């Protein structure tokens, strides 16, 4: 039996599981478990799984998308995992390794009953090795084949590869179409890429961000997408790096700034890490029983979610979730 914990950051719901990939007999068994656990038509359903080993001084973590593919990192998921590690250790700060990088998580304030976690990323990279556009050098800013020719995209790596474009109007169908094009072009994007659009809601310090994620598609929010978009917003000269910007998405909000040190920008994302439920399951035969819900946390977050939805409606932003 294994304990699974379902938590969310801005309604990007992630499973946190105290197992490692080595606990599965094969890669196929691991992939099947992730797919069954994340299947919305199954007993549970979610946007990804963070496995972790909390025993080492620096806990190790492995993230998997709902289709079973692995990813370097998940921003919202790391805040959720960070809360678990902070609670287990009774500390206010911890460092967690995911992929090739280490991430610092800090216990945040509890605002109106909503528990917050702050996550600092490694420095963003605007000269990523991927995605590569045909035979050109790695893309920094430019227009991409098969995407909207009116948009200019910035490529940035923040653990995961991202493409970000500022838009004057948000049209969800357009984002989905572009995201599917990116997903289908393995000749252009060998490792895939997350695609985000950023819509300013005020002059500079309040924006809407929506991401089509590789391996997941359209989700309520994307933590690394918010961080990448915030970095691009400063690269475009809209706001100073150190300034906090309120980022709204379909599932909630986060405050994001950039720590400037060692000639790099280190995004800091402050947002919720809300526990939804926990359950004991047999990895080989998932069944929804012995589920314990965290009703008080969910009620507290629902109030924040309603205020965010009202603000997006006021701004004319229409989303499916």
Protein backbone atom coordinates (compact mmCIF):
# COMPACT_ATOMS: atom_id res chain seq x y z
CA UNK A 1 0.00 0.00 0.00
CA UNK A 2 1.10 3.57 -0.63
CA UNK A 3 -0.19 6.91 0.55
CA UNK A 4 -1.17 9.39 -2.13
CA UNK A 5 -1.77 13.02 -1.31
CA UNK A 6 -3.71 15.25 -3.68
CA UNK A 7 -2.90 18.96 -3.45
CA UNK A 8 -3.13 21.93 -5.75
CA UNK A 9 -1.49 25.21 -6.61
CA UNK A 10 -4.00 27.48 -8.37
CA UNK A 11 -6.13 24.40 -9.12
CA UNK A 12 -3.25 22.66 -10.90
CA UNK A 13 -3.85 19.44 -8.97
CA UNK A 14 -0.86 17.25 -8.31
CA UNK A 15 -0.36 13.94 -6.52
CA UNK A 16 2.49 13.80 -4.01
CA UNK A 17 3.58 10.18 -3.49
CA UNK A 18 6.36 8.95 -1.14
CA UNK A 19 7.73 6.44 -3.66
CA UNK A 20 10.61 6.61 -6.12
CA UNK A 21 10.79 5.35 -9.72
CA UNK A 22 12.98 2.54 -8.38
CA UNK A 23 10.01 1.19 -6.42
CA UNK A 24 8.38 0.07 -9.67
CA UNK A 25 9.36 -3.15 -11.39
CA UNK A 26 9.69 -1.47 -14.78
CA UNK A 27 9.23 1.81 -16.62
CA UNK A 28 6.04 0.43 -18.13
CA UNK A 29 4.63 -0.27 -14.65
CA UNK A 30 5.54 3.25 -13.52
CA UNK A 31 3.94 4.80 -16.61
CA UNK A 32 0.77 2.75 -16.16
CA UNK A 33 0.47 3.83 -12.51
CA UNK A 34 0.84 7.52 -13.39
CA UNK A 35 -1.69 7.26 -16.22
CA UNK A 36 -4.26 5.43 -14.07
CA UNK A 37 -3.82 7.81 -11.14
CA UNK A 38 -4.18 10.92 -13.32
CA UNK A 39 -7.02 9.58 -15.48
CA UNK A 40 -10.01 11.92 -14.98
CA UNK A 41 -12.35 9.06 -15.87
CA UNK A 42 -10.83 6.85 -13.15
CA UNK A 43 -11.25 6.86 -9.38
CA UNK A 44 -8.93 9.85 -8.85
CA UNK A 45 -7.62 12.13 -11.63
CA UNK A 46 -5.02 14.89 -11.68
CA UNK A 47 -2.50 16.95 -13.64
CA UNK A 48 0.64 15.04 -12.68
CA UNK A 49 2.51 13.08 -10.03
CA UNK A 50 5.48 14.12 -7.88
CA UNK A 51 7.28 11.09 -6.44
CA UNK A 52 9.77 11.88 -3.70
CA UNK A 53 12.31 10.47 -1.27
CA UNK A 54 12.26 12.60 1.87
CA UNK A 55 15.04 10.73 3.70
CA UNK A 56 18.19 12.48 2.35
CA UNK A 57 19.20 15.91 3.71
CA UNK A 58 18.17 17.27 0.31
CA UNK A 59 15.01 15.35 -0.66
CA UNK A 60 14.91 13.99 -4.21
CA UNK A 61 11.84 14.31 -6.42
CA UNK A 62 10.70 13.06 -9.81
CA UNK A 63 7.80 14.59 -11.74
CA UNK A 64 5.62 12.81 -14.30
CA UNK A 65 2.97 14.31 -16.58
CA UNK A 66 -0.46 12.66 -16.75
CA UNK A 67 0.48 10.90 -20.01
CA UNK A 68 3.31 9.16 -18.14
CA UNK A 69 6.16 11.22 -19.61
CA UNK A 70 8.75 12.62 -17.24
CA UNK A 71 9.54 16.32 -16.83
CA UNK A 72 12.40 18.18 -15.23
CA UNK A 73 10.13 20.06 -12.87
CA UNK A 74 6.61 21.27 -12.06
CA UNK A 75 6.26 24.67 -10.39
CA UNK A 76 2.84 24.27 -8.78
CA UNK A 77 3.70 20.69 -7.90
CA UNK A 78 6.94 21.75 -6.23
CA UNK A 79 5.04 24.17 -4.00
CA UNK A 80 2.73 21.31 -2.98
CA UNK A 81 5.64 18.94 -2.41
CA UNK A 82 7.45 21.75 -0.60
CA UNK A 83 4.62 22.11 1.85
CA UNK A 84 4.69 18.37 2.56
CA UNK A 85 8.45 18.43 3.21
CA UNK A 86 8.24 21.58 5.36
CA UNK A 87 5.42 20.08 7.43
CA UNK A 88 7.25 16.76 7.85
CA UNK A 89 10.47 18.44 8.96
CA UNK A 90 8.85 21.22 11.00
CA UNK A 91 11.03 23.83 9.30
CA UNK A 92 10.38 27.08 7.47
CA UNK A 93 12.86 26.50 4.62
CA UNK A 94 13.96 23.45 2.65
CA UNK A 95 15.84 22.60 -0.54
CA UNK A 96 14.53 19.89 -2.88
CA UNK A 97 16.23 18.38 -5.92
CA UNK A 98 14.10 17.77 -9.02
CA UNK A 99 15.84 16.78 -12.21
CA UNK A 100 19.22 18.48 -12.47
CA UNK A 101 18.39 21.47 -10.29
CA UNK A 102 17.69 22.35 -6.67
CA UNK A 103 14.70 24.43 -5.60
CA UNK A 104 14.29 26.41 -2.38
CA UNK A 105 10.86 26.36 -0.75
CA UNK A 106 9.80 28.54 2.16
CA UNK A 107 6.75 28.49 4.34
CA UNK A 108 4.58 31.48 3.53
CA UNK A 109 1.80 33.23 5.36
CA UNK A 110 -1.69 31.86 5.83
CA UNK A 111 -4.04 34.37 4.22
CA UNK A 112 -7.73 33.97 5.01
CA UNK A 113 -7.13 30.30 5.74
CA UNK A 114 -5.16 29.64 2.52
CA UNK A 115 -1.69 28.19 3.18
CA UNK A 116 1.05 29.75 1.08
CA UNK A 117 4.45 28.47 -0.02
CA UNK A 118 7.21 30.49 -1.67
CA UNK A 119 9.33 28.77 -4.31
CA UNK A 120 12.61 30.10 -5.67
CA UNK A 121 13.77 28.74 -9.03
CA UNK A 122 17.27 28.55 -10.47
CA UNK A 123 18.15 31.36 -12.86
CA UNK A 124 16.16 31.51 -16.08
CA UNK A 125 18.00 30.89 -19.33
CA UNK A 126 17.08 32.88 -22.42
CA UNK A 127 19.54 30.96 -24.59
CA UNK A 128 18.17 27.42 -24.24
CA UNK A 129 19.47 24.54 -26.29
CA UNK A 130 15.86 23.65 -27.07
CA UNK A 131 13.56 24.40 -28.69
CA UNK A 132 15.58 24.83 -31.88
CA UNK A 133 13.84 26.26 -34.92
CA UNK A 134 14.90 24.22 -37.95
CA UNK A 135 18.56 24.90 -38.72
CA UNK A 136 18.84 28.18 -36.86
CA UNK A 137 20.63 28.73 -33.58
CA UNK A 138 18.48 28.39 -30.45
CA UNK A 139 15.52 30.75 -30.58
CA UNK A 140 15.51 33.76 -28.28
CA UNK A 141 12.81 36.00 -29.74
CA UNK A 142 11.02 35.42 -33.00
CA UNK A 143 8.09 34.11 -34.96
CA UNK A 144 7.61 30.38 -35.16
CA UNK A 145 6.42 28.17 -38.01
CA UNK A 146 2.73 27.18 -37.87
CA UNK A 147 1.95 29.62 -35.06
CA UNK A 148 0.23 33.01 -35.12
CA UNK A 149 2.45 35.22 -37.35
CA UNK A 150 1.26 38.31 -35.45
CA UNK A 151 2.83 37.08 -32.20
CA UNK A 152 6.46 37.28 -31.14
CA UNK A 153 7.60 34.44 -28.90
CA UNK A 154 10.41 34.39 -26.37
CA UNK A 155 12.05 31.08 -25.52
CA UNK A 156 13.12 30.59 -21.92
CA UNK A 157 14.24 27.56 -19.96
CA UNK A 158 13.27 27.40 -16.30
CA UNK A 159 13.84 23.76 -15.64
CA UNK A 160 11.35 23.13 -18.45
CA UNK A 161 11.42 24.72 -21.91
CA UNK A 162 8.84 27.46 -22.49
CA UNK A 163 7.63 29.71 -25.28
CA UNK A 164 5.91 32.92 -24.17
CA UNK A 165 4.10 35.64 -26.14
CA UNK A 166 2.35 38.78 -24.92
CA UNK A 167 -1.14 39.20 -26.42
CA UNK A 168 -3.68 41.99 -26.63
CA UNK A 169 -6.66 39.65 -26.29
CA UNK A 170 -6.98 36.16 -24.88
CA UNK A 171 -8.65 33.59 -27.14
CA UNK A 172 -8.50 30.13 -25.62
CA UNK A 173 -9.10 28.29 -28.89
CA UNK A 174 -6.06 30.02 -30.39
CA UNK A 175 -3.85 28.97 -27.48
CA UNK A 176 -5.00 25.36 -27.75
CA UNK A 177 -4.41 25.30 -31.51
CA UNK A 178 -0.88 26.70 -31.10
CA UNK A 179 -0.12 24.34 -28.22
CA UNK A 180 -1.19 21.36 -30.30
CA UNK A 181 1.01 22.55 -33.17
CA UNK A 182 4.02 22.73 -30.86
CA UNK A 183 3.22 19.26 -29.50
CA UNK A 184 3.05 17.81 -33.01
CA UNK A 185 6.32 19.32 -34.25
CA UNK A 186 9.00 17.08 -32.76
CA UNK A 187 11.24 18.04 -35.68
CA UNK A 188 11.21 21.62 -34.39
CA UNK A 189 10.78 20.92 -30.65
CA UNK A 190 12.50 17.57 -29.96
CA UNK A 191 11.83 17.72 -26.20
CA UNK A 192 8.49 19.46 -26.52
CA UNK A 193 7.75 22.87 -25.05
CA UNK A 194 5.16 24.57 -22.87
CA UNK A 195 3.44 27.46 -24.64
CA UNK A 196 2.09 30.44 -22.69
CA UNK A 197 0.32 33.68 -23.52
CA UNK A 198 0.47 36.72 -21.26
CA UNK A 199 -2.30 39.32 -21.24
CA UNK A 200 -1.71 42.59 -19.30
CA UNK A 201 -4.66 43.46 -17.05
CA UNK A 202 -3.17 46.73 -15.79
CA UNK A 203 -0.29 48.80 -17.07
CA UNK A 204 2.44 46.57 -15.65
CA UNK A 205 1.86 44.78 -12.33
CA UNK A 206 -1.20 42.58 -12.95
CA UNK A 207 -1.31 40.06 -15.81
CA UNK A 208 -3.20 36.96 -16.91
CA UNK A 209 -1.17 33.90 -17.95
CA UNK A 210 -2.46 30.71 -19.54
CA UNK A 211 -0.27 27.74 -20.54
CA UNK A 212 -0.68 24.76 -22.84
CA UNK A 213 1.59 22.22 -21.16
CA UNK A 214 3.54 19.50 -22.90
CA UNK A 215 2.25 16.13 -21.74
CA UNK A 216 -0.82 17.66 -20.07
CA UNK A 217 -2.48 20.17 -22.39
CA UNK A 218 -4.60 22.97 -20.99
CA UNK A 219 -4.61 23.04 -17.18
CA UNK A 220 -6.00 25.50 -14.65
CA UNK A 221 -2.51 26.93 -14.16
CA UNK A 222 1.17 26.17 -14.70
CA UNK A 223 3.69 27.22 -12.06
CA UNK A 224 6.76 27.20 -14.28
CA UNK A 225 4.66 28.90 -16.97
CA UNK A 226 3.91 31.76 -14.57
CA UNK A 227 7.60 32.04 -13.65
CA UNK A 228 8.73 31.95 -17.29
CA UNK A 229 6.11 34.52 -18.30
CA UNK A 230 7.13 36.81 -15.44
CA UNK A 231 10.75 36.67 -16.63
CA UNK A 232 9.70 37.46 -20.20
CA UNK A 233 7.59 40.39 -18.94
CA UNK A 234 10.74 42.00 -17.53
CA UNK A 235 12.80 41.04 -20.58
CA UNK A 236 10.29 42.99 -22.67
CA UNK A 237 10.90 45.99 -20.40
CA UNK A 238 7.40 46.14 -18.91
CA UNK A 239 8.44 46.03 -15.25
CA UNK A 240 11.61 45.94 -13.14
CA UNK A 241 12.76 42.42 -12.27
CA UNK A 242 12.55 42.82 -8.48
CA UNK A 243 8.98 44.10 -8.52
CA UNK A 244 6.21 41.70 -7.52
CA UNK A 245 3.63 41.12 -10.24
CA UNK A 246 0.23 39.62 -9.55
CA UNK A 247 -0.30 36.79 -12.00
CA UNK A 248 -3.86 35.57 -12.46
CA UNK A 249 -4.72 32.32 -14.13
CA UNK A 250 -7.84 30.24 -14.58
CA UNK A 251 -7.38 28.52 -11.23
CA UNK A 252 -6.11 31.27 -8.95
CA UNK A 253 -3.31 33.76 -8.39
CA UNK A 254 0.36 34.02 -7.48
CA UNK A 255 2.79 36.84 -6.75
CA UNK A 256 5.96 36.52 -8.82
CA UNK A 257 9.19 38.52 -8.71
CA UNK A 258 12.76 37.98 -9.89
CA UNK A 259 15.68 37.88 -7.48
CA UNK A 260 18.67 39.43 -9.25
CA UNK A 261 22.02 37.92 -8.29
CA UNK A 262 25.10 36.42 -9.92
CA UNK A 263 24.08 38.09 -13.21
CA UNK A 264 20.90 36.02 -13.31
CA UNK A 265 17.17 36.28 -12.68
CA UNK A 266 15.81 33.79 -10.15
CA UNK A 267 11.98 33.74 -10.21
CA UNK A 268 10.23 33.59 -6.85
CA UNK A 269 6.62 32.38 -6.96
CA UNK A 270 4.42 32.88 -3.88
CA UNK A 271 1.13 31.04 -4.02
CA UNK A 272 -1.15 28.55 -2.40
CA UNK A 273 -0.32 24.92 -1.61
CA UNK A 274 -3.73 23.52 -0.67
CA UNK A 275 -4.27 19.95 0.52
CA UNK A 276 -7.36 18.31 -0.98
CA UNK A 277 -7.35 14.68 0.18
CA UNK A 278 -5.15 11.73 1.08
CA UNK A 279 -5.74 8.02 0.51
CA UNK A 280 -4.08 4.65 1.00
CA UNK A 281 -3.96 2.76 -2.29
CA UNK A 282 -2.55 -0.37 -3.82
CA UNK A 283 -0.47 0.93 -6.78
CA UNK A 284 -1.46 -2.15 -8.79
CA UNK A 285 -5.20 -1.72 -8.24
CA UNK A 286 -6.30 1.83 -7.57
CA UNK A 287 -9.60 2.18 -5.72
CA UNK A 288 -11.17 5.25 -4.18
CA UNK A 289 -11.64 4.16 -0.60
CA UNK A 290 -10.23 5.28 2.74
CA UNK A 291 -10.10 8.85 1.43
CA UNK A 292 -9.59 11.67 3.94
CA UNK A 293 -10.60 15.14 2.71
CA UNK A 294 -9.17 18.46 3.88
CA UNK A 295 -12.51 20.28 3.73
CA UNK A 296 -11.45 23.37 5.68
CA UNK A 297 -8.57 24.10 3.30
CA UNK A 298 -10.81 23.62 0.28
CA UNK A 299 -13.45 25.99 1.65
CA UNK A 300 -10.84 28.66 2.33
CA UNK A 301 -9.43 28.39 -1.16
CA UNK A 302 -12.87 28.48 -2.79
CA UNK A 303 -13.38 32.03 -1.50
CA UNK A 304 -10.11 33.18 -3.08
CA UNK A 305 -11.01 31.38 -6.30
CA UNK A 306 -14.35 33.18 -6.53
CA UNK A 307 -12.70 36.58 -6.19
CA UNK A 308 -10.19 35.72 -8.90
CA UNK A 309 -12.94 34.52 -11.24
CA UNK A 310 -14.85 37.77 -10.70
CA UNK A 311 -11.75 39.82 -11.58
CA UNK A 312 -11.18 37.83 -14.77
CA UNK A 313 -14.80 38.30 -15.83
CA UNK A 314 -14.45 42.02 -15.19
CA UNK A 315 -11.37 42.03 -17.45
CA UNK A 316 -13.23 40.13 -20.18
CA UNK A 317 -11.10 36.99 -19.87
CA UNK A 318 -13.05 33.82 -20.68
CA UNK A 319 -11.66 30.39 -19.80
CA UNK A 320 -13.04 26.88 -19.71
CA UNK A 321 -12.00 26.33 -16.10
